[in-house]
Amino acid sequence: MRSEKHHKGWNEIKTNDSWALFKIMGEFVNGFEKMSSIGPCVSIFGSARTKPDHAYYKLAESMAKSIVDAGFGVITGGGPGIMEAGNKGAHLAGGTSVGLNIELPFEQHDNPYIDKGKSLDFDYFFVRKVMFVKYSQGFVVMPGGFGTLDELFEAITLIQTNKSERFPIILVGTEFWSGLMDWIKSTLLEKFGNISPKDLDLIHLVDTENEVIDILNNFYNSAKLSPNF
């Protein structure tokens, strides 16, 4: 009896997994349809827990305005904290402001600065990450938690393995990122040889919005592309 019950439960799991494919496919189709028309954008990542009075929130808002002035729109994870700051800056500057929201048991909720019709909801992190990488011309990565690190290393891996077009990855905040970068260089690269020097070529560590804009402009100028390609 126990084995029959277990077998029945396993069959139900397999059936649910099969039906989930349609939901996953639906998220991809909806994402591709909406994102394909937004134009060139830069994604801003960072902690959902950063408060509006924090220096990094203010910096993210100001950077988003400058990114819009440089000819790009802004994509964020659509939630509070650094994400809200990025959308707010883009919105106040009159630029494209996109939010790719994920349903979570805590922290995540839509912020009010996303353009109407440009707020997308996802159940699956991997679908959401595809949208970030496919439709971003650059990653600006502010201090954050596991989700921020996940997006960062996903992008690095895809570029390293030629599964994605190359684009600049800009880490903002030397006080936050320098320890990680030191470990990557001293341990991954020099001590164990698990990466090559060129894997780090597109990762930039900065502190100011002027540096962010210069990196974006220099990258696309050298590639003979403009923000409005």
Foldseek 3Di string as FASTA:
>chain_A
DVVVVVVVVVVVVVVVVVVVVVVLVVQLVVLCVLLVPQAEAEEEEAALPADCVDPLLQQLLCLLLVRVVQPHHYEYQQFHHSLLSNLNSCQVNVHAHAHEHEDDPDSGDGHPSHDVSRYHYDPDPVSSLCSNQVRYQEYEYEYHDPVSVVSVVVNLVCVQVVVGDDHAYEYEDCVRCVVVVVCCCVPCPPPPNVDHPVSCVRYHYYHHSVVVSVSRVVVQVVVVHGSRD
